[in-house]
C-alpha atoms as a PDB file:
ATOM      1  CA  MET A   1       6.266  13.124   1.199  1.00  0.00           C
ATOM      2  CA  PRO A   2       6.253   9.325   1.268  1.00  0.00           C
ATOM      3  CA  ARG A   3       5.716   7.566  -2.077  1.00  0.00           C
ATOM      4  CA  VAL A   4       3.457   4.542  -2.507  1.00  0.00           C
ATOM      5  CA  LYS A   5       4.387   2.204  -5.392  1.00  0.00           C
ATOM      6  CA  ILE A   6       1.313   0.540  -6.776  1.00  0.00           C
ATOM      7  CA  PRO A   7       1.598  -2.892  -8.421  1.00  0.00           C
ATOM      8  CA  PRO A   8      -0.021  -3.267 -11.896  1.00  0.00           C
ATOM      9  CA  PRO A   9      -2.945  -5.465 -10.695  1.00  0.00           C
ATOM     10  CA  TYR A  10      -3.982  -2.681  -8.233  1.00  0.00           C
ATOM     11  CA  ARG A  11      -3.841   0.264 -10.569  1.00  0.00           C
ATOM     12  CA  GLY A  12      -7.490   0.157 -11.524  1.00  0.00           C
ATOM     13  CA  PRO A  13      -8.618   2.401  -8.643  1.00  0.00           C
ATOM     14  CA  THR A  14      -5.548   4.663  -9.141  1.00  0.00           C
ATOM     15  CA  GLN A  15      -6.432   5.146 -12.820  1.00  0.00           C
ATOM     16  CA  GLY A  16      -3.206   3.522 -13.875  1.00  0.00           C
ATOM     17  CA  LYS A  17      -0.857   5.548 -11.642  1.00  0.00           C
ATOM     18  CA  ALA A  18       2.203   3.530 -10.547  1.00  0.00           C
ATOM     19  CA  VAL A  19       3.558   5.894  -7.880  1.00  0.00           C
ATOM     20  CA  ILE A  20       1.534   8.235  -5.686  1.00  0.00           C
ATOM     21  CA  GLU A  21       2.823  10.695  -3.161  1.00  0.00           C
ATOM     22  CA  ALA A  22       0.787  10.314   0.053  1.00  0.00           C
ATOM     23  CA  VAL A  23       0.663  12.265   3.269  1.00  0.00           C
ATOM     24  CA  GLY A  24       0.998   9.913   6.223  1.00  0.00           C
ATOM     25  CA  GLU A  25       3.222   9.030   9.117  1.00  0.00           C
ATOM     26  CA  SER A  26       2.717   5.254   8.810  1.00  0.00           C
ATOM     27  CA  VAL A  27       2.349   2.701   6.069  1.00  0.00           C
ATOM     28  CA  ARG A  28      -1.367   2.389   6.903  1.00  0.00           C
ATOM     29  CA  ALA A  29      -1.846   6.178   6.893  1.00  0.00           C
ATOM     30  CA  CYS A  30      -0.200   6.420   3.424  1.00  0.00           C
ATOM     31  CA  ILE A  31      -2.443   3.684   2.040  1.00  0.00           C
ATOM     32  CA  GLU A  32      -5.465   5.416   3.544  1.00  0.00           C
ATOM     33  CA  ALA A  33      -4.379   8.710   1.963  1.00  0.00           C
ATOM     34  CA  VAL A  34      -4.261   6.950  -1.439  1.00  0.00           C
ATOM     35  CA  GLU A  35      -7.785   5.575  -0.625  1.00  0.00           C
ATOM     36  CA  ALA A  36      -9.047   9.109   0.053  1.00  0.00           C
ATOM     37  CA  GLU A  37      -8.005  10.155  -3.441  1.00  0.00           C
ATOM     38  CA  TYR A  38      -8.781   6.882  -5.166  1.00  0.00           C
ATOM     39  CA  PRO A  39     -11.718   5.110  -3.513  1.00  0.00           C
ATOM     40  CA  GLY A  40     -11.579   1.293  -3.664  1.00  0.00           C
ATOM     41  CA  PHE A  41      -7.777   1.088  -3.312  1.00  0.00           C
ATOM     42  CA  ALA A  42      -7.508   0.265   0.428  1.00  0.00           C
ATOM     43  CA  GLU A  43      -9.851  -2.724   0.184  1.00  0.00           C
ATOM     44  CA  LEU A  44      -7.286  -4.348  -2.087  1.00  0.00           C
ATOM     45  CA  ILE A  45      -4.706  -4.067   0.666  1.00  0.00           C
ATOM     46  CA  PHE A  46      -6.671  -4.504   3.897  1.00  0.00           C
ATOM     47  CA  ASP A  47      -9.477  -6.903   4.817  1.00  0.00           C
ATOM     48  CA  PRO A  48     -12.660  -5.549   6.506  1.00  0.00           C
ATOM     49  CA  SER A  49     -11.056  -5.831   9.994  1.00  0.00           C
ATOM     50  CA  GLY A  50      -8.010  -3.754   8.877  1.00  0.00           C
ATOM     51  CA  ARG A  51      -5.523  -6.593   8.542  1.00  0.00           C
ATOM     52  CA  VAL A  52      -3.254  -6.875   5.558  1.00  0.00           C
ATOM     53  CA  GLN A  53      -4.817  -9.213   2.963  1.00  0.00           C
ATOM     54  CA  PRO A  54      -3.070 -12.657   2.873  1.00  0.00           C
ATOM     55  CA  PHE A  55      -1.936 -12.205  -0.714  1.00  0.00           C
ATOM     56  CA  VAL A  56      -0.324  -8.726  -0.095  1.00  0.00           C
ATOM     57  CA  THR A  57       3.207  -8.026   1.065  1.00  0.00           C
ATOM     58  CA  LEU A  58       4.268  -4.524   2.201  1.00  0.00           C
ATOM     59  CA  PHE A  59       7.782  -3.070   2.042  1.00  0.00           C
ATOM     60  CA  VAL A  60       9.325   0.173   3.273  1.00  0.00           C
ATOM     61  CA  ASN A  61      12.509   1.167   1.398  1.00  0.00           C
ATOM     62  CA  GLY A  62      12.888  -2.414   0.181  1.00  0.00           C
ATOM     63  CA  GLU A  63      12.534  -3.993   3.701  1.00  0.00           C
ATOM     64  CA  GLU A  64       9.681  -6.475   3.951  1.00  0.00           C
ATOM     65  CA  LEU A  65       7.219  -5.855   6.702  1.00  0.00           C
ATOM     66  CA  GLY A  66       5.495  -8.568   8.751  1.00  0.00           C
ATOM     67  CA  ARG A  67       1.784  -9.024   8.368  1.00  0.00           C
ATOM     68  CA  SER A  68       1.098  -7.084  11.549  1.00  0.00           C
ATOM     69  CA  GLU A  69       3.408  -4.145  10.775  1.00  0.00           C
ATOM     70  CA  ALA A  70       1.171  -1.945   8.661  1.00  0.00           C
ATOM     71  CA  ASP A  71       1.383   0.774  11.354  1.00  0.00           C
ATOM     72  CA  THR A  72       5.223   1.069  10.865  1.00  0.00           C
ATOM     73  CA  SER A  73       6.278   4.694  10.808  1.00  0.00           C
ATOM     74  CA  VAL A  74       7.490   6.293   7.545  1.00  0.00           C
ATOM     75  CA  GLY A  75       9.343   9.534   6.858  1.00  0.00           C
ATOM     76  CA  ALA A  76       9.044  12.112   4.082  1.00  0.00           C
ATOM     77  CA  ASP A  77      11.680  10.392   1.906  1.00  0.00           C
ATOM     78  CA  ASP A  78      10.447   6.792   2.364  1.00  0.00           C
ATOM     79  CA  GLU A  79       8.940   4.540  -0.273  1.00  0.00           C
ATOM     80  CA  VAL A  80       6.118   2.147   0.515  1.00  0.00           C
ATOM     81  CA  GLU A  81       5.885  -0.683  -1.970  1.00  0.00           C
ATOM     82  CA  ILE A  82       2.999  -3.061  -2.277  1.00  0.00           C
ATOM     83  CA  LEU A  83       3.577  -6.535  -3.742  1.00  0.00           C
ATOM     84  CA  ALA A  84       0.457  -8.423  -4.911  1.00  0.00           C
ATOM     85  CA  ALA A  85       0.813 -12.171  -5.173  1.00  0.00           C
ATOM     86  CA  ILE A  86      -0.956 -13.439  -8.214  1.00  0.00           C
ATOM     87  CA  ALA A  87      -2.022 -17.023  -8.336  1.00  0.00           C
ATOM     88  CA  GLY A  88      -2.617 -18.859 -11.568  1.00  0.00           C
ATOM     89  CA  GLY A  89      -2.550 -22.176 -13.042  1.00  0.00           C
END
C-alpha cells in the first residue's frame, strides 16, 4: 500500500501522523484517501479546482513531480511525499 509522508505544517488534520498508508493508484487518489480518513487534509494540497496549491511540491520515491502531475500512477511500495513551502520574514 502506498505511503503518504505528511509534512509537519499539515499534520493538524492527520492528528499528528507523519506517515499514512493510503489505498490509491495515483498520487491524487492517495491524497484523497487520506482526506477520506482525515477531513480537511486535501484542501491543504489542492485548490478548489483540483490543482496543486502553488506552495506545495509533490514527490514520488524522491522524484519531484510537475505541478500538473498529481495523477501520476503509484504502486503498492511507493512513497508519496508532500513538501510544504513555508514563507516567513
